Amino acid sequence: MLRLSWLISLGISLLGFIIIEHFFTIQPEGVSGSGNSGAIGIALVLPFLLLSLFTTYRYFSELSRNAKDKLNRIFALVSGIILIGIFIYFANGYKNDIIESLGGPTTDPNSKIYGFPLLNQYTNHVFFNFYTFGLVHTISGLIVSPK
């Protein structure tokens, strides 16, 4: 039952991330309005994300508690660390591509996002994408690493 609730919470929060990434982010060719419409989506997804992170923690806590073989525990720990490295690498590349497509960071006067806060209507998908979703859930599962 815990596995099913974990999968459902993962699916709902991932769907929320995808919606924010694709529907609440203005493309660089678009015209900026006032405010960040993504704040609505973020406010709606945040409770589901927190629930999903808690369920991930509980699920991996049960798996860790039931694992008898020390080699499997070490393999899970090493795999989790490698997965975190992979997610960080791809998330950083994705962020750099987005910032480059917008003409530079928020501190560059020539960029489209000059003067905006880091989380704005153009950069919602820097923070809400598959890579950051996978990263926070991997960290949540790795917190209960083998003792």
C-alpha atoms as a PDB file:
ATOM      1  CA  MET A   1       0.000   0.000   0.000  1.00  0.00           C
ATOM      2  CA  LEU A   2       2.881   2.353   0.766  1.00  0.00           C
ATOM      3  CA  ARG A   3       4.366   1.700  -2.677  1.00  0.00           C
ATOM      4  CA  LEU A   4       1.075   2.591  -4.368  1.00  0.00           C
ATOM      5  CA  SER A   5       0.701   5.813  -2.390  1.00  0.00           C
ATOM      6  CA  TRP A   6       4.335   6.660  -3.222  1.00  0.00           C
ATOM      7  CA  LEU A   7       3.743   6.124  -6.956  1.00  0.00           C
ATOM      8  CA  ILE A   8       0.517   8.157  -6.914  1.00  0.00           C
ATOM      9  CA  SER A   9       2.145  11.057  -5.065  1.00  0.00           C
ATOM     10  CA  LEU A  10       5.113  10.953  -7.459  1.00  0.00           C
ATOM     11  CA  GLY A  11       2.781  11.064 -10.436  1.00  0.00           C
ATOM     12  CA  ILE A  12       0.697  13.960  -9.135  1.00  0.00           C
ATOM     13  CA  SER A  13       3.692  16.093  -8.174  1.00  0.00           C
ATOM     14  CA  LEU A  14       5.504  15.312 -11.448  1.00  0.00           C
ATOM     15  CA  LEU A  15       2.384  16.331 -13.361  1.00  0.00           C
ATOM     16  CA  GLY A  16       2.401  19.606 -11.407  1.00  0.00           C
ATOM     17  CA  PHE A  17       6.049  20.201 -12.295  1.00  0.00           C
ATOM     18  CA  ILE A  18       5.328  19.556 -15.972  1.00  0.00           C
ATOM     19  CA  ILE A  19       2.349  21.922 -15.925  1.00  0.00           C
ATOM     20  CA  ILE A  20       4.430  24.702 -14.364  1.00  0.00           C
ATOM     21  CA  GLU A  21       7.268  24.069 -16.801  1.00  0.00           C
ATOM     22  CA  HIS A  22       5.103  24.194 -19.914  1.00  0.00           C
ATOM     23  CA  PHE A  23       2.079  26.354 -19.136  1.00  0.00           C
ATOM     24  CA  PHE A  24       3.224  28.886 -16.548  1.00  0.00           C
ATOM     25  CA  THR A  25       6.464  29.938 -18.226  1.00  0.00           C
ATOM     26  CA  ILE A  26       6.638  32.641 -20.903  1.00  0.00           C
ATOM     27  CA  GLN A  27       8.848  31.756 -23.827  1.00  0.00           C
ATOM     28  CA  PRO A  28      11.688  34.197 -24.591  1.00  0.00           C
ATOM     29  CA  GLU A  29       9.780  35.488 -27.625  1.00  0.00           C
ATOM     30  CA  GLY A  30       6.743  36.396 -25.493  1.00  0.00           C
ATOM     31  CA  VAL A  31       5.954  39.746 -23.935  1.00  0.00           C
ATOM     32  CA  SER A  32       6.193  40.051 -20.179  1.00  0.00           C
ATOM     33  CA  GLY A  33       3.142  41.040 -18.226  1.00  0.00           C
ATOM     34  CA  SER A  34       3.170  42.121 -14.638  1.00  0.00           C
ATOM     35  CA  GLY A  35       3.842  39.508 -11.993  1.00  0.00           C
ATOM     36  CA  ASN A  36       4.577  35.834 -12.259  1.00  0.00           C
ATOM     37  CA  SER A  37       1.581  33.745 -13.255  1.00  0.00           C
ATOM     38  CA  GLY A  38       3.599  30.686 -12.297  1.00  0.00           C
ATOM     39  CA  ALA A  39       3.137  31.612  -8.638  1.00  0.00           C
ATOM     40  CA  ILE A  40      -0.406  30.253  -8.922  1.00  0.00           C
ATOM     41  CA  GLY A  41       0.862  26.909 -10.188  1.00  0.00           C
ATOM     42  CA  ILE A  42       3.679  26.835  -7.645  1.00  0.00           C
ATOM     43  CA  ALA A  43       1.245  27.492  -4.789  1.00  0.00           C
ATOM     44  CA  LEU A  44      -0.981  24.655  -6.008  1.00  0.00           C
ATOM     45  CA  VAL A  45       1.868  22.166  -6.536  1.00  0.00           C
ATOM     46  CA  LEU A  46       3.838  22.883  -3.357  1.00  0.00           C
ATOM     47  CA  PRO A  47       1.595  20.868  -0.978  1.00  0.00           C
ATOM     48  CA  PHE A  48       1.685  17.895  -3.359  1.00  0.00           C
ATOM     49  CA  LEU A  49       5.461  18.187  -3.649  1.00  0.00           C
ATOM     50  CA  LEU A  50       5.879  18.201   0.129  1.00  0.00           C
ATOM     51  CA  LEU A  51       3.575  15.195   0.447  1.00  0.00           C
ATOM     52  CA  SER A  52       5.474  13.408  -2.304  1.00  0.00           C
ATOM     53  CA  LEU A  53       8.824  14.097  -0.614  1.00  0.00           C
ATOM     54  CA  PHE A  54       7.488  12.806   2.699  1.00  0.00           C
ATOM     55  CA  THR A  55       6.070   9.689   1.027  1.00  0.00           C
ATOM     56  CA  THR A  56       9.395   9.118  -0.772  1.00  0.00           C
ATOM     57  CA  TYR A  57      11.180   9.382   2.567  1.00  0.00           C
ATOM     58  CA  ARG A  58       8.787   6.908   4.181  1.00  0.00           C
ATOM     59  CA  TYR A  59       8.975   4.458   1.271  1.00  0.00           C
ATOM     60  CA  PHE A  60      12.773   4.373   1.209  1.00  0.00           C
ATOM     61  CA  SER A  61      12.869   4.224   4.985  1.00  0.00           C
ATOM     62  CA  GLU A  62      10.810   1.019   4.834  1.00  0.00           C
ATOM     63  CA  LEU A  63      13.006  -0.384   2.057  1.00  0.00           C
ATOM     64  CA  SER A  64      16.128   0.391   4.031  1.00  0.00           C
ATOM     65  CA  ARG A  65      14.702  -1.119   7.193  1.00  0.00           C
ATOM     66  CA  ASN A  66      13.728  -4.335   5.384  1.00  0.00           C
ATOM     67  CA  ALA A  67      17.025  -4.708   3.492  1.00  0.00           C
ATOM     68  CA  LYS A  68      19.089  -7.418   5.108  1.00  0.00           C
ATOM     69  CA  ASP A  69      22.043  -7.588   2.746  1.00  0.00           C
ATOM     70  CA  LYS A  70      24.728  -4.977   3.483  1.00  0.00           C
ATOM     71  CA  LEU A  71      25.957  -5.100  -0.122  1.00  0.00           C
ATOM     72  CA  ASN A  72      22.524  -4.048  -1.414  1.00  0.00           C
ATOM     73  CA  ARG A  73      22.464  -1.162   1.046  1.00  0.00           C
ATOM     74  CA  ILE A  74      25.879   0.044  -0.091  1.00  0.00           C
ATOM     75  CA  PHE A  75      24.861  -0.340  -3.730  1.00  0.00           C
ATOM     76  CA  ALA A  76      21.734   1.765  -3.078  1.00  0.00           C
ATOM     77  CA  LEU A  77      23.811   4.471  -1.384  1.00  0.00           C
ATOM     78  CA  VAL A  78      26.372   4.632  -4.196  1.00  0.00           C
ATOM     79  CA  SER A  79      23.629   4.581  -6.852  1.00  0.00           C
ATOM     80  CA  GLY A  80      21.832   7.437  -5.103  1.00  0.00           C
ATOM     81  CA  ILE A  81      24.989   9.547  -4.954  1.00  0.00           C
ATOM     82  CA  ILE A  82      25.696   8.897  -8.642  1.00  0.00           C
ATOM     83  CA  LEU A  83      22.096   9.770  -9.516  1.00  0.00           C
ATOM     84  CA  ILE A  84      22.377  13.048  -7.596  1.00  0.00           C
ATOM     85  CA  GLY A  85      25.512  13.892  -9.569  1.00  0.00           C
ATOM     86  CA  ILE A  86      23.767  13.129 -12.864  1.00  0.00           C
ATOM     87  CA  PHE A  87      20.726  15.251 -11.964  1.00  0.00           C
ATOM     88  CA  ILE A  88      22.927  18.170 -10.877  1.00  0.00           C
ATOM     89  CA  TYR A  89      24.925  17.984 -14.109  1.00  0.00           C
ATOM     90  CA  PHE A  90      21.843  17.996 -16.344  1.00  0.00           C
ATOM     91  CA  ALA A  91      19.969  20.583 -14.262  1.00  0.00           C
ATOM     92  CA  ASN A  92      22.952  22.929 -14.454  1.00  0.00           C
ATOM     93  CA  GLY A  93      23.225  22.501 -18.225  1.00  0.00           C
ATOM     94  CA  TYR A  94      19.481  23.077 -18.609  1.00  0.00           C
ATOM     95  CA  LYS A  95      19.687  26.243 -16.483  1.00  0.00           C
ATOM     96  CA  ASN A  96      22.634  27.561 -18.494  1.00  0.00           C
ATOM     97  CA  ASP A  97      20.783  26.959 -21.781  1.00  0.00           C
ATOM     98  CA  ILE A  98      17.727  28.829 -20.525  1.00  0.00           C
ATOM     99  CA  ILE A  99      19.740  31.774 -19.195  1.00  0.00           C
ATOM    100  CA  GLU A 100      21.628  31.934 -22.492  1.00  0.00           C
ATOM    101  CA  SER A 101      18.379  31.918 -24.492  1.00  0.00           C
ATOM    102  CA  LEU A 102      17.194  34.883 -22.400  1.00  0.00           C
ATOM    103  CA  GLY A 103      20.313  36.905 -23.189  1.00  0.00           C
ATOM    104  CA  GLY A 104      22.092  36.479 -19.876  1.00  0.00           C
ATOM    105  CA  PRO A 105      21.437  36.522 -16.136  1.00  0.00           C
ATOM    106  CA  THR A 106      19.204  38.943 -14.240  1.00  0.00           C
ATOM    107  CA  THR A 107      22.212  41.206 -13.608  1.00  0.00           C
ATOM    108  CA  ASP A 108      23.010  41.724 -17.308  1.00  0.00           C
ATOM    109  CA  PRO A 109      21.365  44.927 -18.650  1.00  0.00           C
ATOM    110  CA  ASN A 110      21.127  43.365 -22.125  1.00  0.00           C
ATOM    111  CA  SER A 111      19.163  40.316 -21.001  1.00  0.00           C
ATOM    112  CA  LYS A 112      15.419  39.904 -21.273  1.00  0.00           C
ATOM    113  CA  ILE A 113      15.204  39.199 -17.537  1.00  0.00           C
ATOM    114  CA  TYR A 114      17.277  42.166 -16.335  1.00  0.00           C
ATOM    115  CA  GLY A 115      15.972  43.457 -13.035  1.00  0.00           C
ATOM    116  CA  PHE A 116      13.660  40.502 -12.452  1.00  0.00           C
ATOM    117  CA  PRO A 117      14.063  38.211  -9.436  1.00  0.00           C
ATOM    118  CA  LEU A 118      15.673  34.849 -10.132  1.00  0.00           C
ATOM    119  CA  LEU A 119      12.286  33.083 -10.096  1.00  0.00           C
ATOM    120  CA  ASN A 120      10.211  34.960 -12.674  1.00  0.00           C
ATOM    121  CA  GLN A 121       7.743  34.296 -15.493  1.00  0.00           C
ATOM    122  CA  TYR A 122      10.604  33.446 -17.875  1.00  0.00           C
ATOM    123  CA  THR A 123      12.586  31.173 -15.554  1.00  0.00           C
ATOM    124  CA  ASN A 124       9.946  29.064 -13.791  1.00  0.00           C
ATOM    125  CA  HIS A 125      11.157  26.037 -15.719  1.00  0.00           C
ATOM    126  CA  VAL A 126      14.693  26.503 -14.380  1.00  0.00           C
ATOM    127  CA  PHE A 127      13.376  25.477 -10.971  1.00  0.00           C
ATOM    128  CA  PHE A 128      10.389  23.318 -11.943  1.00  0.00           C
ATOM    129  CA  ASN A 129      11.583  20.663 -14.384  1.00  0.00           C
ATOM    130  CA  PHE A 130      12.224  16.935 -14.427  1.00  0.00           C
ATOM    131  CA  TYR A 131      15.834  17.309 -13.284  1.00  0.00           C
ATOM    132  CA  THR A 132      15.035  19.254 -10.122  1.00  0.00           C
ATOM    133  CA  PHE A 133      12.099  16.934  -9.460  1.00  0.00           C
ATOM    134  CA  GLY A 134      14.380  13.911  -9.678  1.00  0.00           C
ATOM    135  CA  LEU A 135      17.081  15.623  -7.639  1.00  0.00           C
ATOM    136  CA  VAL A 136      14.887  16.505  -4.649  1.00  0.00           C
ATOM    137  CA  HIS A 137      13.284  13.062  -4.620  1.00  0.00           C
ATOM    138  CA  THR A 138      16.638  11.315  -4.847  1.00  0.00           C
ATOM    139  CA  ILE A 139      17.904  13.387  -1.933  1.00  0.00           C
ATOM    140  CA  SER A 140      14.730  12.560  -0.005  1.00  0.00           C
ATOM    141  CA  GLY A 141      15.282   8.856  -0.596  1.00  0.00           C
ATOM    142  CA  LEU A 142      19.000   9.061   0.139  1.00  0.00           C
ATOM    143  CA  ILE A 143      18.500  10.745   3.511  1.00  0.00           C
ATOM    144  CA  VAL A 144      17.481   7.363   4.877  1.00  0.00           C
ATOM    145  CA  SER A 145      20.655   5.787   3.518  1.00  0.00           C
ATOM    146  CA  PRO A 146      21.969   2.633   5.151  1.00  0.00           C
ATOM    147  CA  LYS A 147      23.366   3.038   8.607  1.00  0.00           C
END
